[in-house]
Amino acid sequence: MGKMDGRVALVTGGASGLGAEDARVLAREGAKVVITDMNAALGEETAAAIPDCVFLQQDVRNEARWAEVVAETVSRFGRLDTLVNNAGLVRFGSVEDLSLDDWRLQVDVMMTGTFLGCRAAIPHMSHDGSGSIINMASVAAVKGIGTIPAYSAAKAGVIALSRSTAVHCRERKYRIRCNAIVPGAIVTPMTAQALAELPAGEAGLDQIHNHGMGQPIDIANMVLYLACDDGRHITGTTITIDNGETME
């Protein structure tokens, strides 16, 4: 028996990178999985390679689309146990030169998108103790990185939102847990693009050199732990997976 047998998971940003690996690991353990992404072609390709996986195109900033995605997930599979708010992107620029449009884009996708996901999913999540919301934050939320202020601020908001959501669910006796994961540098397409855009001498490059880069499975294993019964006594927690980067 798999650790996720009989359960249903919804993973945003699931076409590639961390989201795709989360979906693969959850499906491997028996979950039926819905992945969403803006990239329809890649999303369909990823879903086709994962057993019991369905792709739905989604812009996580769209409130109405969240309602549709959750409703279709429940309609197809009869329940919703796990939500992984993973969708994200990064735009570079210091607090002096980052455009307002790039600020709003990052905050809207990662902080507002996570809020909309939590709000849409909670009323439909199972209350039998299997309910788990897992929000993807970043080491950028807990350390200063001068070139990504909007990304850092949005991910810090994700951590605070996760705690508030955990408290809310506990107070309402929903039996739904909510936690945040803080990854360090992980080998993903988004990270590769970001590294290509960083100027020589950027502090972030030194951090990667000193601590190395993790693999998506390093994060997906924690997603599985928090989603299944192994993590049944964990809520309102932020778990850092960064090979010691934030110790400095």
Protein backbone atom coordinates (compact mmCIF):
# COMPACT_ATOMS: atom_id res chain seq x y z
CA MET A 1 0.00 0.00 0.00
CA GLY A 2 1.14 3.51 -0.80
CA LYS A 3 1.16 6.32 1.75
CA MET A 4 -1.34 8.30 -0.35
CA ASP A 5 -3.71 5.51 -1.35
CA GLY A 6 -7.26 6.79 -1.71
CA ARG A 7 -6.22 10.44 -1.56
CA VAL A 8 -6.36 13.26 -4.07
CA ALA A 9 -3.77 15.99 -4.49
CA LEU A 10 -3.80 19.29 -6.40
CA VAL A 11 -0.40 20.75 -7.32
CA THR A 12 0.00 24.19 -8.92
CA GLY A 13 2.97 24.96 -11.12
CA GLY A 14 3.03 21.25 -11.83
CA ALA A 15 4.23 21.21 -15.42
CA SER A 16 7.91 21.17 -14.50
CA GLY A 17 10.45 21.57 -11.70
CA LEU A 18 9.36 21.12 -8.10
CA GLY A 19 5.67 20.81 -8.93
CA ALA A 20 6.20 18.02 -11.44
CA GLU A 21 8.38 16.09 -8.99
CA ASP A 22 5.81 16.58 -6.22
CA ALA A 23 3.16 15.13 -8.51
CA ARG A 24 5.31 12.14 -9.44
CA VAL A 25 6.10 11.29 -5.82
CA LEU A 26 2.50 11.70 -4.64
CA ALA A 27 1.24 9.54 -7.52
CA ARG A 28 3.92 6.92 -6.84
CA GLU A 29 2.49 6.61 -3.34
CA GLY A 30 -1.04 6.07 -4.63
CA ALA A 31 -2.55 9.55 -4.92
CA LYS A 32 -4.69 10.72 -7.78
CA VAL A 33 -3.16 14.02 -8.82
CA VAL A 34 -4.30 17.15 -10.60
CA ILE A 35 -1.52 19.43 -11.80
CA THR A 36 -2.11 22.96 -13.02
CA ASP A 37 0.09 25.40 -14.89
CA MET A 38 0.00 28.22 -17.42
CA ASN A 39 2.00 26.09 -19.87
CA ALA A 40 -0.64 23.82 -21.36
CA ALA A 41 1.59 21.85 -23.73
CA LEU A 42 4.16 21.00 -21.06
CA GLY A 43 1.45 20.37 -18.48
CA GLU A 44 -0.30 17.85 -20.70
CA GLU A 45 3.01 16.11 -21.42
CA THR A 46 3.90 15.88 -17.73
CA ALA A 47 0.46 14.61 -16.70
CA ALA A 48 0.50 11.96 -19.42
CA ALA A 49 3.67 10.47 -17.92
CA ILE A 50 2.24 10.22 -14.40
CA PRO A 51 -0.34 7.53 -13.47
CA ASP A 52 -3.77 8.86 -12.45
CA CYS A 53 -2.74 12.44 -13.20
CA VAL A 54 -4.84 15.12 -14.88
CA PHE A 55 -3.72 18.50 -16.18
CA LEU A 56 -5.81 21.67 -15.95
CA GLN A 57 -4.59 24.99 -17.29
CA GLN A 58 -4.64 27.68 -14.62
CA ASP A 59 -3.47 31.17 -13.85
CA VAL A 60 -3.33 31.14 -10.04
CA ARG A 61 -4.08 34.88 -9.97
CA ASN A 62 -7.56 34.22 -11.35
CA GLU A 63 -10.08 33.86 -8.53
CA ALA A 64 -12.82 32.37 -10.71
CA ARG A 65 -10.45 29.80 -12.19
CA TRP A 66 -9.53 28.60 -8.70
CA ALA A 67 -13.19 27.77 -8.05
CA GLU A 68 -13.37 25.88 -11.35
CA VAL A 69 -10.18 23.90 -10.74
CA VAL A 70 -11.19 22.81 -7.26
CA ALA A 71 -14.70 21.92 -8.42
CA GLU A 72 -13.37 19.84 -11.32
CA THR A 73 -10.89 18.07 -9.05
CA VAL A 74 -13.66 17.07 -6.65
CA SER A 75 -15.99 16.15 -9.52
CA ARG A 76 -13.41 13.86 -11.14
CA PHE A 77 -12.04 12.17 -8.04
CA GLY A 78 -14.67 12.65 -5.34
CA ARG A 79 -12.52 14.47 -2.79
CA LEU A 80 -9.53 16.74 -2.19
CA ASP A 81 -6.95 15.90 0.46
CA THR A 82 -3.77 17.78 -0.43
CA LEU A 83 -3.12 21.19 -1.95
CA VAL A 84 0.45 22.12 -2.91
CA ASN A 85 0.68 25.83 -3.70
CA ASN A 86 3.86 25.70 -5.75
CA ALA A 87 3.37 28.08 -8.69
CA GLY A 88 6.01 30.79 -8.83
CA LEU A 89 8.33 32.96 -10.88
CA VAL A 90 11.14 35.44 -10.31
CA ARG A 91 11.96 38.85 -11.80
CA PHE A 92 15.20 40.60 -10.93
CA GLY A 93 15.60 44.20 -9.84
CA SER A 94 16.65 45.97 -6.67
CA VAL A 95 14.30 47.97 -4.46
CA GLU A 96 15.46 51.02 -6.42
CA ASP A 97 14.96 49.79 -9.96
CA LEU A 98 12.38 46.98 -9.89
CA SER A 99 9.33 48.04 -11.89
CA LEU A 100 5.95 48.21 -10.22
CA ASP A 101 4.60 45.75 -12.79
CA ASP A 102 7.26 43.18 -11.88
CA TRP A 103 6.58 43.75 -8.18
CA ARG A 104 2.86 43.18 -8.64
CA LEU A 105 3.37 40.13 -10.87
CA GLN A 106 5.47 38.29 -8.29
CA VAL A 107 3.30 39.23 -5.32
CA ASP A 108 0.14 38.34 -7.21
CA VAL A 109 1.37 34.93 -8.40
CA MET A 110 3.00 33.71 -5.22
CA MET A 111 1.29 35.44 -2.31
CA THR A 112 -2.16 36.23 -3.70
CA GLY A 113 -2.20 32.98 -5.68
CA THR A 114 -1.45 31.02 -2.52
CA PHE A 115 -4.16 32.88 -0.63
CA LEU A 116 -6.71 32.19 -3.37
CA GLY A 117 -5.73 28.51 -3.39
CA CYS A 118 -6.14 28.12 0.36
CA ARG A 119 -9.45 29.94 0.32
CA ALA A 120 -10.84 27.93 -2.59
CA ALA A 121 -9.67 24.54 -1.35
CA ILE A 122 -10.49 24.59 2.36
CA PRO A 123 -14.29 24.30 2.02
CA HIS A 124 -13.85 21.23 -0.19
CA MET A 125 -11.01 19.49 1.63
CA SER A 126 -11.54 16.27 3.52
CA HIS A 127 -12.11 16.68 7.26
CA ASP A 128 -11.13 13.11 8.14
CA GLY A 129 -7.61 14.11 9.14
CA SER A 130 -6.12 13.77 5.67
CA GLY A 131 -6.40 17.46 4.76
CA SER A 132 -2.99 19.06 4.16
CA ILE A 133 -2.05 22.37 2.57
CA ILE A 134 1.62 22.73 1.67
CA ASN A 135 2.81 26.17 0.59
CA MET A 136 6.15 26.66 -1.15
CA ALA A 137 8.22 29.50 0.30
CA SER A 138 11.97 30.12 -0.18
CA VAL A 139 15.18 30.93 1.65
CA ALA A 140 14.70 34.36 0.08
CA ALA A 141 11.94 34.90 2.65
CA VAL A 142 14.30 34.61 5.61
CA LYS A 143 17.56 36.13 4.35
CA GLY A 144 18.42 39.31 2.52
CA ILE A 145 18.88 39.02 -1.25
CA GLY A 146 19.16 42.46 -2.78
CA THR A 147 18.24 41.54 -6.36
CA ILE A 148 14.84 39.94 -5.66
CA PRO A 149 12.89 42.10 -3.17
CA ALA A 150 9.45 41.24 -4.56
CA TYR A 151 10.16 37.51 -4.64
CA SER A 152 11.52 37.69 -1.09
CA ALA A 153 8.52 39.67 0.16
CA ALA A 154 6.02 37.38 -1.54
CA LYS A 155 7.63 34.24 -0.11
CA ALA A 156 7.76 35.80 3.38
CA GLY A 157 4.05 36.46 2.98
CA VAL A 158 3.53 32.80 2.12
CA ILE A 159 5.11 31.80 5.43
CA ALA A 160 2.90 34.17 7.43
CA LEU A 161 -0.19 33.12 5.49
CA SER A 162 0.57 29.45 6.18
CA ARG A 163 0.65 30.07 9.92
CA SER A 164 -2.59 32.05 9.84
CA THR A 165 -4.25 29.34 7.78
CA ALA A 166 -3.12 26.65 10.20
CA VAL A 167 -4.53 28.58 13.15
CA HIS A 168 -7.81 29.18 11.33
CA CYS A 169 -8.27 25.50 10.48
CA ARG A 170 -7.44 24.45 14.04
CA GLU A 171 -9.88 26.97 15.52
CA ARG A 172 -12.62 25.77 13.17
CA LYS A 173 -11.77 22.14 13.98
CA TYR A 174 -11.42 21.36 10.29
CA ARG A 175 -8.63 18.79 10.78
CA ILE A 176 -6.76 20.44 7.91
CA ARG A 177 -3.05 21.09 8.42
CA CYS A 178 -1.10 23.88 6.75
CA ASN A 179 2.69 24.15 6.55
CA ALA A 180 5.32 25.98 4.51
CA ILE A 181 8.47 24.54 2.97
CA VAL A 182 11.53 26.77 2.53
CA PRO A 183 13.78 25.35 -0.22
CA GLY A 184 17.27 26.59 -0.88
CA ALA A 185 18.67 26.49 -4.42
CA ILE A 186 17.17 23.53 -6.27
CA VAL A 187 17.93 22.31 -9.80
CA THR A 188 14.82 23.39 -11.71
CA PRO A 189 14.12 25.22 -14.99
CA MET A 190 13.19 28.37 -13.05
CA THR A 191 16.47 28.30 -11.13
CA ALA A 192 18.45 27.73 -14.32
CA GLN A 193 16.81 30.74 -15.94
CA ALA A 194 17.42 32.85 -12.84
CA LEU A 195 21.10 31.87 -12.69
CA ALA A 196 21.53 32.78 -16.33
CA GLU A 197 20.23 36.27 -15.59
CA LEU A 198 22.41 36.91 -12.53
CA PRO A 199 25.40 39.20 -13.10
CA ALA A 200 28.88 37.94 -12.32
CA GLY A 201 29.79 38.48 -8.68
CA GLU A 202 26.20 38.27 -7.48
CA ALA A 203 26.04 37.06 -3.86
CA GLY A 204 23.56 34.35 -4.76
CA LEU A 205 26.17 32.65 -6.91
CA ASP A 206 28.53 32.45 -3.95
CA GLN A 207 25.81 30.84 -1.85
CA ILE A 208 25.21 28.18 -4.47
CA HIS A 209 28.95 27.54 -4.76
CA ASN A 210 29.24 27.16 -0.97
CA HIS A 211 26.16 25.04 -0.35
CA GLY A 212 25.46 23.33 -3.65
CA MET A 213 22.08 22.81 -5.25
CA GLY A 214 19.49 20.31 -4.16
CA GLN A 215 17.34 18.13 -6.38
CA PRO A 216 13.54 18.37 -6.73
CA ILE A 217 13.20 15.00 -4.97
CA ASP A 218 14.67 16.60 -1.83
CA ILE A 219 11.61 18.83 -1.65
CA ALA A 220 9.10 16.29 -2.96
CA ASN A 221 9.99 13.86 -0.17
CA MET A 222 9.01 16.51 2.38
CA VAL A 223 5.80 17.28 0.47
CA LEU A 224 4.92 13.59 0.73
CA TYR A 225 5.74 13.53 4.45
CA LEU A 226 3.48 16.51 5.14
CA ALA A 227 0.70 15.18 2.90
CA CYS A 228 0.49 11.66 4.32
CA ASP A 229 -0.17 10.38 7.83
CA ASP A 230 3.53 10.63 8.71
CA GLY A 231 3.00 14.38 9.12
CA ARG A 232 -0.35 14.21 10.88
CA HIS A 233 0.94 16.07 13.97
CA ILE A 234 2.61 18.92 12.07
CA THR A 235 0.82 22.20 11.33
CA GLY A 236 1.71 25.87 11.32
CA THR A 237 5.36 24.97 10.79
CA THR A 238 8.02 26.23 8.37
CA ILE A 239 10.47 23.54 7.29
CA THR A 240 13.77 24.63 5.74
CA ILE A 241 15.59 22.41 3.24
CA ASP A 242 18.69 24.33 2.20
CA ASN A 243 21.83 22.38 3.18
CA GLY A 244 22.58 24.95 5.85
CA GLU A 245 22.40 28.07 3.68
CA THR A 246 20.33 30.05 6.18
CA MET A 247 22.70 29.23 9.04
CA GLU A 248 25.05 31.94 7.76
